[in-house]
């Protein structure tokens, strides 16, 4: 075979191999992952999808102090019919995530006791261990909820949304001042009065001991 014919045949074979490789790469299936990225058909789901973990966000909130903060509540830890913690505090804009640790529970808000103007539907369907649900709270106030099938045995909880995101008196919110409660006296007034009474008593005792009883006060012999 002539050299020119050999080179022409080799070039044709290489081109055919490249075309086959390109076609194979284009026909390969896209890998699906379970992380909620584009193209994922089994990842985390938004509220209303019964096959995935639910996320119920209020959306559209801006400049709220609790944004980006997430606190976790365990549903039925160790098979117990409790929420742990029972009461959780968070700032406006924060998110609470419920994690199911046992089967047959839900998170049903007590709608008639929600803060005025607040809307929260929760998860009324029963779910099993491994399920998670989250909700962003924007309005301040208390959000009580129950596990419907276990409410009778005390499986209740509440979310408290306040400016500090902590329980009162725990270093977050200041304790209530008695003056603000309408108490008619103040502590420093009581202290001043006590000191004055002690001084009067000391002065009286001093004169009584030094000068003794007045001769005019003595009974006649």
N, C-alpha and C. Protein backbone atom coordinates (compact mmCIF):
# COMPACT_ATOMS: atom_id res chain seq x y z
N UNK A 1 0.86 -1.20 0.00
CA UNK A 1 0.00 0.00 0.00
C UNK A 1 0.88 1.23 0.00
N UNK A 2 0.48 2.19 -0.80
CA UNK A 2 1.24 3.43 -0.85
C UNK A 2 1.06 4.21 0.43
N UNK A 3 2.06 5.02 0.71
CA UNK A 3 2.01 5.82 1.95
C UNK A 3 0.82 6.74 1.98
N UNK A 4 0.49 7.35 0.85
CA UNK A 4 -0.63 8.28 0.80
C UNK A 4 -1.94 7.55 1.08
N UNK A 5 -2.11 6.36 0.51
CA UNK A 5 -3.33 5.60 0.76
C UNK A 5 -3.45 5.18 2.23
N UNK A 6 -2.28 4.81 2.82
CA UNK A 6 -2.26 4.40 4.24
C UNK A 6 -2.70 5.54 5.15
N UNK A 7 -2.19 6.74 4.94
CA UNK A 7 -2.53 7.91 5.76
C UNK A 7 -4.01 8.26 5.61
N UNK A 8 -4.53 8.14 4.38
CA UNK A 8 -5.94 8.46 4.15
C UNK A 8 -6.85 7.47 4.90
N UNK A 9 -6.48 6.19 4.88
CA UNK A 9 -7.28 5.19 5.58
C UNK A 9 -7.24 5.38 7.08
N UNK A 10 -6.05 5.71 7.61
CA UNK A 10 -5.90 5.90 9.05
C UNK A 10 -6.70 7.10 9.53
N UNK A 11 -6.69 8.18 8.75
CA UNK A 11 -7.44 9.39 9.13
C UNK A 11 -8.94 9.11 9.16
N UNK A 12 -9.42 8.34 8.20
CA UNK A 12 -10.84 8.00 8.17
C UNK A 12 -11.26 7.19 9.37
N UNK A 13 -10.41 6.25 9.78
CA UNK A 13 -10.73 5.41 10.94
C UNK A 13 -10.78 6.23 12.21
N UNK A 14 -9.84 7.16 12.36
CA UNK A 14 -9.80 8.00 13.57
C UNK A 14 -11.04 8.88 13.65
N UNK A 15 -11.46 9.43 12.50
CA UNK A 15 -12.65 10.28 12.50
C UNK A 15 -13.89 9.51 12.87
N UNK A 16 -14.01 8.28 12.37
CA UNK A 16 -15.16 7.45 12.69
C UNK A 16 -15.22 7.13 14.18
N UNK A 17 -14.04 6.85 14.80
CA UNK A 17 -14.00 6.55 16.22
C UNK A 17 -14.43 7.74 17.06
N UNK A 18 -13.99 8.93 16.67
CA UNK A 18 -14.36 10.14 17.41
C UNK A 18 -15.85 10.39 17.33
N UNK A 19 -16.45 10.17 16.15
CA UNK A 19 -17.90 10.38 15.99
C UNK A 19 -18.69 9.43 16.86
N UNK A 20 -18.26 8.16 16.94
CA UNK A 20 -18.95 7.18 17.76
C UNK A 20 -18.87 7.57 19.22
N UNK A 21 -17.67 8.04 19.68
CA UNK A 21 -17.50 8.45 21.08
C UNK A 21 -18.39 9.61 21.43
N UNK A 22 -18.51 10.58 20.54
CA UNK A 22 -19.35 11.75 20.81
C UNK A 22 -20.81 11.37 20.92
N UNK A 23 -21.28 10.50 20.03
CA UNK A 23 -22.66 10.05 20.07
C UNK A 23 -22.97 9.30 21.35
N UNK A 24 -22.01 8.50 21.81
CA UNK A 24 -22.23 7.74 23.04
C UNK A 24 -22.35 8.66 24.23
N UNK A 25 -21.50 9.71 24.29
CA UNK A 25 -21.53 10.65 25.41
C UNK A 25 -22.84 11.40 25.45
N UNK A 26 -23.39 11.77 24.29
CA UNK A 26 -24.62 12.52 24.25
C UNK A 26 -25.82 11.70 24.65
N UNK A 27 -25.79 10.40 24.46
CA UNK A 27 -26.94 9.55 24.76
C UNK A 27 -26.90 9.01 26.18
N UNK A 28 -25.81 9.27 26.98
CA UNK A 28 -25.72 8.74 28.34
C UNK A 28 -26.74 9.41 29.24
N UNK A 29 -27.42 8.71 30.18
CA UNK A 29 -28.45 9.30 31.04
C UNK A 29 -27.83 10.24 32.06
N UNK A 30 -28.60 11.32 32.45
CA UNK A 30 -28.16 12.28 33.46
C UNK A 30 -28.34 11.65 34.84
N UNK A 31 -27.31 11.73 35.67
CA UNK A 31 -27.38 11.15 37.00
C UNK A 31 -28.31 11.96 37.88
N UNK A 32 -29.21 11.31 38.61
CA UNK A 32 -30.15 11.97 39.50
C UNK A 32 -29.70 11.78 40.94
N UNK A 33 -29.66 12.89 41.66
CA UNK A 33 -29.25 12.83 43.05
C UNK A 33 -30.40 13.25 43.95
N UNK A 34 -30.23 13.01 45.24
CA UNK A 34 -31.30 13.29 46.20
C UNK A 34 -30.98 14.52 47.02
N UNK A 35 -30.56 15.59 46.33
CA UNK A 35 -30.19 16.80 47.06
C UNK A 35 -30.97 18.02 46.63
N UNK A 36 -32.02 17.85 45.84
CA UNK A 36 -32.87 18.97 45.46
C UNK A 36 -32.32 19.83 44.36
N UNK A 37 -31.27 19.40 43.62
CA UNK A 37 -30.73 20.20 42.54
C UNK A 37 -31.56 20.01 41.28
N UNK A 38 -31.27 20.80 40.23
CA UNK A 38 -32.02 20.71 38.99
C UNK A 38 -31.90 19.33 38.38
N UNK A 39 -33.00 18.81 37.86
CA UNK A 39 -33.00 17.48 37.24
C UNK A 39 -33.26 16.38 38.24
N UNK A 40 -33.41 16.70 39.52
CA UNK A 40 -33.62 15.68 40.53
C UNK A 40 -35.11 15.44 40.69
N UNK A 41 -35.54 14.22 40.43
CA UNK A 41 -36.97 13.93 40.50
C UNK A 41 -37.38 13.35 41.85
N UNK A 42 -36.40 13.07 42.75
CA UNK A 42 -36.75 12.45 44.03
C UNK A 42 -36.21 13.23 45.20
N UNK A 43 -35.82 14.45 45.03
CA UNK A 43 -35.21 15.24 46.10
C UNK A 43 -36.24 15.79 47.05
N UNK A 44 -35.77 16.73 47.91
CA UNK A 44 -36.67 17.34 48.88
C UNK A 44 -37.79 18.08 48.16
N UNK A 45 -39.00 17.97 48.71
CA UNK A 45 -40.17 18.51 48.02
C UNK A 45 -40.71 19.72 48.76
N UNK A 46 -41.42 20.56 48.03
CA UNK A 46 -42.09 21.67 48.67
C UNK A 46 -43.37 21.18 49.31
N UNK A 47 -44.05 22.06 50.08
CA UNK A 47 -45.26 21.67 50.78
C UNK A 47 -46.30 21.15 49.80
N UNK A 48 -46.92 20.00 50.13
CA UNK A 48 -47.94 19.41 49.27
C UNK A 48 -47.42 18.19 48.54
N UNK A 49 -46.12 17.92 48.53
CA UNK A 49 -45.58 16.74 47.90
C UNK A 49 -45.48 15.65 48.95
N UNK A 50 -46.24 14.60 48.79
CA UNK A 50 -46.30 13.56 49.81
C UNK A 50 -45.11 12.63 49.77
N UNK A 51 -44.26 12.71 48.74
CA UNK A 51 -43.17 11.75 48.62
C UNK A 51 -41.87 12.26 49.18
N UNK A 52 -41.75 13.54 49.49
CA UNK A 52 -40.48 14.08 49.94
C UNK A 52 -40.62 14.77 51.27
N UNK A 53 -39.52 15.35 51.71
CA UNK A 53 -39.55 16.12 52.93
C UNK A 53 -40.15 17.49 52.64
N UNK A 54 -41.02 17.95 53.53
CA UNK A 54 -41.79 19.15 53.25
C UNK A 54 -41.09 20.40 53.74
N UNK A 55 -41.21 21.46 52.97
CA UNK A 55 -40.71 22.77 53.37
C UNK A 55 -41.83 23.76 53.17
N UNK A 56 -42.22 24.42 54.26
CA UNK A 56 -43.34 25.35 54.21
C UNK A 56 -42.84 26.72 54.61
N UNK A 57 -42.34 27.49 53.67
CA UNK A 57 -41.79 28.80 53.97
C UNK A 57 -42.78 29.89 53.64
N UNK A 58 -42.69 31.00 54.38
CA UNK A 58 -43.60 32.10 54.11
C UNK A 58 -43.15 32.91 52.92
N UNK A 59 -41.83 33.01 52.70
CA UNK A 59 -41.29 33.69 51.53
C UNK A 59 -41.52 35.18 51.56
N UNK A 60 -40.67 35.92 50.87
CA UNK A 60 -40.85 37.34 50.70
C UNK A 60 -40.48 38.18 51.91
N UNK A 61 -39.99 37.58 53.00
CA UNK A 61 -39.64 38.36 54.17
C UNK A 61 -38.30 39.05 53.96
N UNK A 62 -38.17 40.25 54.51
CA UNK A 62 -36.95 41.02 54.35
C UNK A 62 -36.56 41.64 55.67
N UNK A 63 -35.26 41.67 55.93
CA UNK A 63 -34.71 42.35 57.09
C UNK A 63 -35.31 41.86 58.40
N UNK A 64 -35.54 40.58 58.53
CA UNK A 64 -36.04 40.02 59.78
C UNK A 64 -34.85 39.46 60.56
N UNK A 65 -34.81 39.68 61.88
CA UNK A 65 -33.62 39.31 62.65
C UNK A 65 -33.32 37.82 62.69
N UNK A 66 -34.33 36.98 62.49
CA UNK A 66 -34.10 35.54 62.59
C UNK A 66 -33.81 34.85 61.28
N UNK A 67 -33.73 35.60 60.18
CA UNK A 67 -33.49 34.98 58.88
C UNK A 67 -32.16 34.23 58.89
N UNK A 68 -32.18 33.03 58.34
CA UNK A 68 -30.98 32.20 58.31
C UNK A 68 -30.80 31.35 59.55
N UNK A 69 -31.68 31.51 60.54
CA UNK A 69 -31.60 30.72 61.76
C UNK A 69 -32.58 29.56 61.71
N UNK A 70 -32.11 28.36 62.06
CA UNK A 70 -32.98 27.18 62.07
C UNK A 70 -32.82 26.47 63.41
N UNK A 71 -33.93 26.15 64.04
CA UNK A 71 -33.93 25.36 65.27
C UNK A 71 -34.71 24.08 65.02
N UNK A 72 -34.29 23.01 65.70
CA UNK A 72 -34.85 21.69 65.43
C UNK A 72 -35.71 21.20 66.59
N UNK A 73 -36.83 20.59 66.24
CA UNK A 73 -37.71 19.94 67.21
C UNK A 73 -37.80 18.46 66.80
N UNK A 74 -37.52 17.56 67.74
CA UNK A 74 -37.60 16.13 67.46
C UNK A 74 -39.00 15.63 67.78
N UNK A 75 -39.59 14.93 66.84
CA UNK A 75 -40.96 14.42 66.99
C UNK A 75 -40.90 12.96 67.43
N UNK A 76 -41.36 12.71 68.66
CA UNK A 76 -41.38 11.34 69.18
C UNK A 76 -40.02 10.74 69.41
N UNK A 77 -39.11 11.43 70.12
CA UNK A 77 -37.78 10.85 70.36
C UNK A 77 -37.86 9.57 71.20
N UNK A 78 -37.14 8.55 70.78
CA UNK A 78 -37.14 7.30 71.52
C UNK A 78 -38.48 6.63 71.63
N UNK A 79 -39.38 6.92 70.69
CA UNK A 79 -40.70 6.31 70.74
C UNK A 79 -41.66 6.97 71.72
N UNK A 80 -41.22 8.05 72.37
CA UNK A 80 -42.07 8.75 73.32
C UNK A 80 -43.08 9.64 72.58
N UNK A 81 -44.20 9.89 73.22
CA UNK A 81 -45.22 10.75 72.62
C UNK A 81 -45.00 12.18 73.12
N UNK A 82 -43.89 12.78 72.70
CA UNK A 82 -43.55 14.15 73.09
C UNK A 82 -42.87 14.85 71.92
N UNK A 83 -42.86 16.18 71.99
CA UNK A 83 -42.03 17.01 71.12
C UNK A 83 -40.84 17.49 71.96
N UNK A 84 -39.66 17.41 71.42
CA UNK A 84 -38.47 17.81 72.16
C UNK A 84 -37.66 18.84 71.38
N UNK A 85 -37.62 20.11 71.88
CA UNK A 85 -38.26 20.61 73.10
C UNK A 85 -39.74 20.88 72.89
N UNK A 86 -40.48 20.92 73.99
CA UNK A 86 -41.92 21.16 73.89
C UNK A 86 -42.20 22.60 73.45
N UNK A 87 -41.41 23.54 73.98
CA UNK A 87 -41.54 24.95 73.59
C UNK A 87 -40.22 25.43 73.03
N UNK A 88 -40.25 26.02 71.87
CA UNK A 88 -39.03 26.51 71.23
C UNK A 88 -39.22 27.99 70.91
N UNK A 89 -38.16 28.77 71.15
CA UNK A 89 -38.21 30.22 70.93
C UNK A 89 -37.35 30.57 69.72
N UNK A 90 -37.84 31.52 68.93
CA UNK A 90 -37.11 31.92 67.74
C UNK A 90 -37.47 33.36 67.38
N UNK A 91 -36.55 34.03 66.69
CA UNK A 91 -36.81 35.41 66.27
C UNK A 91 -37.64 35.43 64.99
N UNK A 92 -38.31 36.55 64.71
CA UNK A 92 -39.07 36.65 63.45
C UNK A 92 -38.18 36.39 62.25
N UNK A 93 -38.66 35.58 61.34
CA UNK A 93 -37.88 35.21 60.16
C UNK A 93 -37.13 33.92 60.31
N UNK A 94 -37.08 33.37 61.53
CA UNK A 94 -36.39 32.11 61.77
C UNK A 94 -37.22 30.92 61.32
N UNK A 95 -36.56 29.78 61.20
CA UNK A 95 -37.20 28.55 60.71
C UNK A 95 -37.13 27.47 61.77
N UNK A 96 -38.23 26.76 61.94
CA UNK A 96 -38.27 25.58 62.81
C UNK A 96 -38.36 24.35 61.93
N UNK A 97 -37.53 23.37 62.21
CA UNK A 97 -37.56 22.11 61.46
C UNK A 97 -37.92 20.98 62.41
N UNK A 98 -38.97 20.23 62.06
CA UNK A 98 -39.39 19.07 62.83
C UNK A 98 -38.83 17.82 62.19
N UNK A 99 -38.20 16.98 63.00
CA UNK A 99 -37.62 15.72 62.52
C UNK A 99 -38.32 14.55 63.21
N UNK A 100 -38.94 13.69 62.43
CA UNK A 100 -39.66 12.53 62.97
C UNK A 100 -38.66 11.46 63.42
N UNK A 101 -38.77 11.07 64.70
CA UNK A 101 -37.90 10.02 65.24
C UNK A 101 -38.68 8.74 65.54
N UNK A 102 -39.98 8.77 65.33
CA UNK A 102 -40.81 7.56 65.48
C UNK A 102 -42.02 7.71 64.56
N UNK A 103 -42.83 6.67 64.49
CA UNK A 103 -43.90 6.60 63.48
C UNK A 103 -45.24 7.13 64.00
N UNK A 104 -46.07 7.55 63.01
CA UNK A 104 -47.46 7.86 63.30
C UNK A 104 -47.72 9.19 63.97
N UNK A 105 -46.97 10.24 63.59
CA UNK A 105 -47.16 11.55 64.21
C UNK A 105 -47.43 12.63 63.16
N UNK A 106 -47.99 13.74 63.63
CA UNK A 106 -48.15 14.91 62.77
C UNK A 106 -47.89 16.18 63.59
N UNK A 107 -47.91 17.31 62.91
CA UNK A 107 -47.74 18.61 63.56
C UNK A 107 -48.93 19.46 63.13
N UNK A 108 -49.96 19.49 63.98
CA UNK A 108 -51.21 20.15 63.63
C UNK A 108 -51.38 21.41 64.47
N UNK A 109 -51.28 22.61 63.87
CA UNK A 109 -51.44 23.85 64.63
C UNK A 109 -52.84 23.99 65.20
N UNK A 110 -52.90 24.58 66.39
CA UNK A 110 -54.19 24.92 66.99
C UNK A 110 -54.59 26.27 66.40
N UNK A 111 -55.27 26.24 65.28
CA UNK A 111 -55.48 27.44 64.46
C UNK A 111 -56.21 28.55 65.20
N UNK A 112 -57.14 28.20 66.08
CA UNK A 112 -57.90 29.25 66.77
C UNK A 112 -57.06 30.00 67.80
N UNK A 113 -55.86 29.50 68.10
CA UNK A 113 -55.00 30.16 69.09
C UNK A 113 -53.77 30.81 68.46
N UNK A 114 -53.69 30.83 67.15
CA UNK A 114 -52.55 31.46 66.49
C UNK A 114 -52.60 32.98 66.65
N UNK A 115 -51.44 33.66 66.56
CA UNK A 115 -51.45 35.12 66.62
C UNK A 115 -52.35 35.72 65.54
N UNK A 116 -52.90 36.86 65.83
CA UNK A 116 -53.81 37.50 64.90
C UNK A 116 -53.11 37.79 63.57
N UNK A 117 -53.72 37.38 62.49
CA UNK A 117 -53.17 37.61 61.16
C UNK A 117 -52.17 36.56 60.72
N UNK A 118 -51.78 35.64 61.61
CA UNK A 118 -50.80 34.61 61.25
C UNK A 118 -51.49 33.45 60.54
N UNK A 119 -50.74 32.82 59.65
CA UNK A 119 -51.26 31.67 58.91
C UNK A 119 -50.23 30.55 58.94
N UNK A 120 -50.65 29.37 59.40
CA UNK A 120 -49.76 28.21 59.46
C UNK A 120 -50.61 26.96 59.42
N UNK A 121 -50.37 26.14 58.41
CA UNK A 121 -51.18 24.93 58.21
C UNK A 121 -50.55 23.69 58.81
N UNK A 122 -49.24 23.69 58.98
CA UNK A 122 -48.57 22.54 59.57
C UNK A 122 -48.63 21.30 58.69
N UNK A 123 -48.53 20.14 59.33
CA UNK A 123 -48.60 18.85 58.62
C UNK A 123 -49.67 18.02 59.32
N UNK A 124 -50.84 17.92 58.72
CA UNK A 124 -51.93 17.18 59.35
C UNK A 124 -51.89 15.69 59.03
N UNK A 125 -51.18 15.32 57.95
CA UNK A 125 -51.05 13.89 57.63
C UNK A 125 -50.06 13.24 58.59
N UNK A 126 -50.28 11.94 58.87
CA UNK A 126 -49.36 11.21 59.74
C UNK A 126 -48.14 10.77 58.94
N UNK A 127 -46.96 10.91 59.56
CA UNK A 127 -45.72 10.51 58.91
C UNK A 127 -44.89 9.67 59.86
N UNK A 128 -43.91 8.99 59.28
CA UNK A 128 -43.08 8.07 60.05
C UNK A 128 -41.66 8.59 60.22
N UNK A 129 -40.88 7.81 60.95
CA UNK A 129 -39.50 8.17 61.26
C UNK A 129 -38.71 8.49 59.99
N UNK A 130 -37.93 9.56 60.03
CA UNK A 130 -37.13 9.97 58.89
C UNK A 130 -37.71 11.14 58.13
N UNK A 131 -38.98 11.43 58.37
CA UNK A 131 -39.63 12.54 57.68
C UNK A 131 -39.24 13.86 58.34
N UNK A 132 -39.11 14.92 57.56
CA UNK A 132 -38.83 16.25 58.11
C UNK A 132 -39.77 17.27 57.50
N UNK A 133 -40.03 18.30 58.28
CA UNK A 133 -40.91 19.39 57.84
C UNK A 133 -40.40 20.68 58.47
N UNK A 134 -40.39 21.76 57.70
CA UNK A 134 -39.91 23.03 58.23
C UNK A 134 -40.85 24.16 57.84
N UNK A 135 -40.85 25.20 58.66
CA UNK A 135 -41.70 26.36 58.43
C UNK A 135 -41.00 27.61 58.94
N UNK A 136 -41.07 28.69 58.17
CA UNK A 136 -40.50 29.97 58.58
C UNK A 136 -41.58 30.81 59.25
N UNK A 137 -41.28 31.32 60.43
CA UNK A 137 -42.23 32.13 61.19
C UNK A 137 -41.81 33.60 61.13
N UNK A 138 -42.74 34.46 60.75
CA UNK A 138 -42.42 35.88 60.59
C UNK A 138 -43.13 36.78 61.60
N UNK A 139 -44.33 36.40 62.02
CA UNK A 139 -45.10 37.24 62.94
C UNK A 139 -44.83 36.82 64.38
N UNK A 140 -44.64 37.80 65.26
CA UNK A 140 -44.40 37.49 66.66
C UNK A 140 -45.67 36.95 67.32
N UNK A 141 -45.46 36.14 68.35
CA UNK A 141 -46.58 35.55 69.07
C UNK A 141 -46.32 34.08 69.34
N UNK A 142 -47.30 33.40 69.91
CA UNK A 142 -47.18 31.98 70.24
C UNK A 142 -48.00 31.15 69.26
N UNK A 143 -47.40 30.04 68.80
CA UNK A 143 -48.03 29.14 67.84
C UNK A 143 -48.14 27.75 68.48
N UNK A 144 -49.26 27.45 69.14
CA UNK A 144 -49.42 26.13 69.74
C UNK A 144 -49.78 25.08 68.68
N UNK A 145 -49.38 23.85 68.92
CA UNK A 145 -49.70 22.75 68.01
C UNK A 145 -49.75 21.45 68.78
N UNK A 146 -50.29 20.42 68.13
CA UNK A 146 -50.43 19.12 68.78
C UNK A 146 -50.12 18.02 67.77
N UNK A 147 -49.89 16.83 68.30
CA UNK A 147 -49.91 15.62 67.47
C UNK A 147 -51.32 15.06 67.64
N UNK A 148 -52.11 15.10 66.58
CA UNK A 148 -53.53 14.80 66.68
C UNK A 148 -53.84 13.46 67.35
N UNK A 149 -53.22 12.34 66.93
CA UNK A 149 -53.58 11.07 67.57
C UNK A 149 -53.08 10.93 68.99
N UNK A 150 -52.15 11.77 69.42
CA UNK A 150 -51.58 11.64 70.77
C UNK A 150 -51.80 12.87 71.64
N UNK A 151 -52.72 13.73 71.23
CA UNK A 151 -53.00 14.94 72.01
C UNK A 151 -53.50 14.57 73.40
N UNK A 152 -54.30 13.51 73.49
CA UNK A 152 -54.88 13.10 74.77
C UNK A 152 -53.86 12.65 75.80
N UNK A 153 -52.66 12.25 75.35
CA UNK A 153 -51.62 11.82 76.29
C UNK A 153 -50.56 12.90 76.46
N UNK A 154 -50.87 14.10 75.99
CA UNK A 154 -49.99 15.23 76.28
C UNK A 154 -48.94 15.54 75.24
N UNK A 155 -49.09 15.06 74.01
CA UNK A 155 -48.11 15.38 72.97
C UNK A 155 -48.48 16.71 72.33
N UNK A 156 -48.07 17.77 72.99
CA UNK A 156 -48.36 19.13 72.53
C UNK A 156 -47.06 19.92 72.50
N UNK A 157 -47.05 20.99 71.73
CA UNK A 157 -45.87 21.84 71.66
C UNK A 157 -46.26 23.25 71.28
N UNK A 158 -45.28 24.13 71.26
CA UNK A 158 -45.55 25.50 70.85
C UNK A 158 -44.27 26.15 70.36
N UNK A 159 -44.44 27.07 69.42
CA UNK A 159 -43.36 27.91 68.92
C UNK A 159 -43.65 29.32 69.39
N UNK A 160 -42.67 29.95 70.04
CA UNK A 160 -42.84 31.33 70.50
C UNK A 160 -41.88 32.20 69.70
N UNK A 161 -42.44 33.14 68.98
CA UNK A 161 -41.64 34.06 68.16
C UNK A 161 -41.55 35.39 68.91
N UNK A 162 -40.34 35.76 69.35
CA UNK A 162 -40.15 37.03 70.03
C UNK A 162 -38.88 37.70 69.51
N UNK A 163 -38.62 38.90 69.98
CA UNK A 163 -37.51 39.69 69.43
C UNK A 163 -36.16 39.12 69.80
N UNK A 164 -36.05 38.41 70.92
CA UNK A 164 -34.76 37.87 71.35
C UNK A 164 -34.52 36.45 70.86
N UNK A 165 -35.60 35.72 70.59
CA UNK A 165 -35.44 34.33 70.21
C UNK A 165 -35.08 33.44 71.38
N UNK A 166 -35.29 33.92 72.61
CA UNK A 166 -34.97 33.16 73.81
C UNK A 166 -36.11 33.27 74.80
N UNK A 167 -36.08 32.36 75.79
CA UNK A 167 -37.10 32.39 76.83
C UNK A 167 -36.91 33.62 77.70
N UNK A 168 -37.98 34.24 78.19
CA UNK A 168 -37.85 35.40 79.09
C UNK A 168 -37.01 35.06 80.31
N UNK A 169 -36.10 35.97 80.68
CA UNK A 169 -35.26 35.77 81.85
C UNK A 169 -34.05 34.90 81.62
N UNK A 170 -33.83 34.43 80.38
CA UNK A 170 -32.68 33.57 80.11
C UNK A 170 -31.52 34.32 79.48
N UNK A 171 -31.54 35.65 79.59
CA UNK A 171 -30.47 36.44 79.01
C UNK A 171 -30.88 37.08 77.71
N UNK A 172 -32.09 36.74 77.24
CA UNK A 172 -32.56 37.34 76.00
C UNK A 172 -33.43 38.55 76.29
N UNK A 173 -34.67 38.28 76.70
CA UNK A 173 -35.57 39.38 77.04
C UNK A 173 -35.35 39.81 78.48
N UNK A 174 -35.38 41.11 78.78
CA UNK A 174 -35.21 41.57 80.16
C UNK A 174 -36.41 41.15 81.01
N UNK A 175 -36.14 40.94 82.30
CA UNK A 175 -37.21 40.60 83.20
C UNK A 175 -38.13 41.80 83.38
N UNK A 176 -39.38 41.52 83.71
CA UNK A 176 -40.36 42.60 83.86
C UNK A 176 -40.03 43.45 85.07
N UNK A 177 -40.01 44.75 84.90
CA UNK A 177 -39.76 45.69 85.98
C UNK A 177 -41.03 45.85 86.80
N UNK A 178 -40.95 45.73 88.15
CA UNK A 178 -42.16 45.89 88.97
C UNK A 178 -42.86 47.22 88.74
N UNK A 179 -42.09 48.28 88.44
CA UNK A 179 -42.69 49.58 88.19
C UNK A 179 -43.59 49.54 86.97
N UNK A 180 -43.17 48.74 85.94
CA UNK A 180 -43.97 48.62 84.74
C UNK A 180 -45.22 47.79 84.96
N UNK A 181 -45.22 46.99 86.03
CA UNK A 181 -46.39 46.17 86.35
C UNK A 181 -47.41 46.95 87.17
N UNK A 182 -47.09 48.20 87.53
CA UNK A 182 -48.03 49.00 88.30
C UNK A 182 -47.91 48.83 89.79
N UNK A 183 -46.81 48.26 90.30
CA UNK A 183 -46.61 48.11 91.74
C UNK A 183 -46.44 49.50 92.35
N UNK A 184 -47.17 49.86 93.41
CA UNK A 184 -47.16 51.23 93.93
C UNK A 184 -45.90 51.63 94.68
N UNK A 185 -44.97 50.73 94.93
CA UNK A 185 -43.75 51.09 95.61
C UNK A 185 -42.56 50.59 94.81
N UNK A 186 -41.40 51.16 95.12
CA UNK A 186 -40.18 50.76 94.46
C UNK A 186 -39.19 50.25 95.49
N UNK A 187 -38.31 49.38 95.05
CA UNK A 187 -37.40 48.71 95.98
C UNK A 187 -36.48 49.69 96.70
N UNK A 188 -35.99 50.72 96.01
CA UNK A 188 -35.04 51.61 96.67
C UNK A 188 -35.71 52.47 97.73
N UNK A 189 -37.03 52.73 97.56
CA UNK A 189 -37.75 53.45 98.61
C UNK A 189 -37.83 52.61 99.89
N UNK A 190 -38.08 51.34 99.74
CA UNK A 190 -38.14 50.45 100.89
C UNK A 190 -36.78 50.40 101.59
N UNK A 191 -35.71 50.36 100.83
CA UNK A 191 -34.37 50.34 101.43
C UNK A 191 -34.06 51.60 102.20
N UNK A 192 -34.40 52.76 101.63
CA UNK A 192 -34.14 54.04 102.31
C UNK A 192 -34.92 54.11 103.62
N UNK A 193 -36.19 53.71 103.58
CA UNK A 193 -37.01 53.74 104.79
C UNK A 193 -36.43 52.84 105.87
N UNK A 194 -35.94 51.67 105.49
CA UNK A 194 -35.36 50.74 106.46
C UNK A 194 -34.12 51.33 107.12
N UNK A 195 -33.25 51.95 106.32
CA UNK A 195 -32.04 52.57 106.87
C UNK A 195 -32.38 53.69 107.84
N UNK A 196 -33.36 54.53 107.49
CA UNK A 196 -33.76 55.62 108.38
C UNK A 196 -34.29 55.10 109.71
N UNK A 197 -35.08 54.05 109.67
CA UNK A 197 -35.61 53.47 110.91
C UNK A 197 -34.49 52.92 111.78
N UNK A 198 -33.47 52.33 111.14
CA UNK A 198 -32.34 51.81 111.91
C UNK A 198 -31.56 52.95 112.57
N UNK A 199 -31.37 54.07 111.84
CA UNK A 199 -30.66 55.22 112.40
C UNK A 199 -31.42 55.80 113.59
N UNK A 200 -32.74 55.94 113.46
CA UNK A 200 -33.54 56.47 114.56
C UNK A 200 -33.43 55.57 115.79
N UNK A 201 -33.47 54.27 115.56
CA UNK A 201 -33.35 53.33 116.68
C UNK A 201 -32.00 53.45 117.37
N UNK A 202 -30.92 53.61 116.59
CA UNK A 202 -29.59 53.73 117.16
C UNK A 202 -29.46 55.03 117.98
N UNK A 203 -29.99 56.13 117.44
CA UNK A 203 -29.92 57.40 118.16
C UNK A 203 -30.69 57.31 119.48
N UNK A 204 -31.86 56.73 119.44
CA UNK A 204 -32.67 56.59 120.66
C UNK A 204 -31.93 55.74 121.69
N UNK A 205 -31.36 54.63 121.23
CA UNK A 205 -30.64 53.75 122.15
C UNK A 205 -29.44 54.47 122.77
N UNK A 206 -28.72 55.26 121.96
CA UNK A 206 -27.55 55.99 122.44
C UNK A 206 -27.92 56.94 123.58
N UNK A 207 -28.96 57.74 123.38
CA UNK A 207 -29.35 58.68 124.41
C UNK A 207 -29.90 57.97 125.63
N UNK A 208 -30.61 56.88 125.43
CA UNK A 208 -31.16 56.15 126.56
C UNK A 208 -30.07 55.56 127.43
N UNK A 209 -29.02 55.04 126.81
CA UNK A 209 -27.93 54.44 127.57
C UNK A 209 -27.06 55.52 128.23
N UNK A 210 -26.80 56.63 127.54
CA UNK A 210 -25.89 57.65 128.06
C UNK A 210 -26.51 58.46 129.19
N UNK A 211 -27.72 58.87 129.05
CA UNK A 211 -28.32 59.77 130.03
C UNK A 211 -29.27 59.05 130.99
N UNK A 212 -29.57 57.84 130.66
CA UNK A 212 -30.43 57.08 131.54
C UNK A 212 -31.83 57.64 131.59
N UNK A 213 -32.58 57.14 132.53
CA UNK A 213 -33.96 57.56 132.67
C UNK A 213 -34.04 58.93 133.33
N UNK A 214 -34.89 59.79 132.85
CA UNK A 214 -35.05 61.15 133.40
C UNK A 214 -35.56 61.08 134.84
N UNK A 215 -34.99 61.94 135.75
CA UNK A 215 -35.41 61.93 137.15
C UNK A 215 -36.86 62.38 137.31
N UNK A 216 -37.34 63.12 136.30
CA UNK A 216 -38.73 63.55 136.38
C UNK A 216 -39.69 62.43 136.03
N UNK A 217 -39.13 61.39 135.37
CA UNK A 217 -39.99 60.27 135.00
C UNK A 217 -40.01 59.19 136.06
N UNK A 218 -39.17 59.35 137.11
CA UNK A 218 -39.10 58.32 138.14
C UNK A 218 -40.35 58.33 139.01
N UNK A 219 -40.72 57.20 139.46
CA UNK A 219 -41.90 57.12 140.33
C UNK A 219 -41.54 57.66 141.72
N UNK A 220 -42.45 58.30 142.41
CA UNK A 220 -42.16 58.84 143.77
C UNK A 220 -41.85 57.74 144.75
N UNK A 221 -40.93 58.06 145.70
CA UNK A 221 -40.55 57.06 146.69
C UNK A 221 -41.65 56.94 147.75
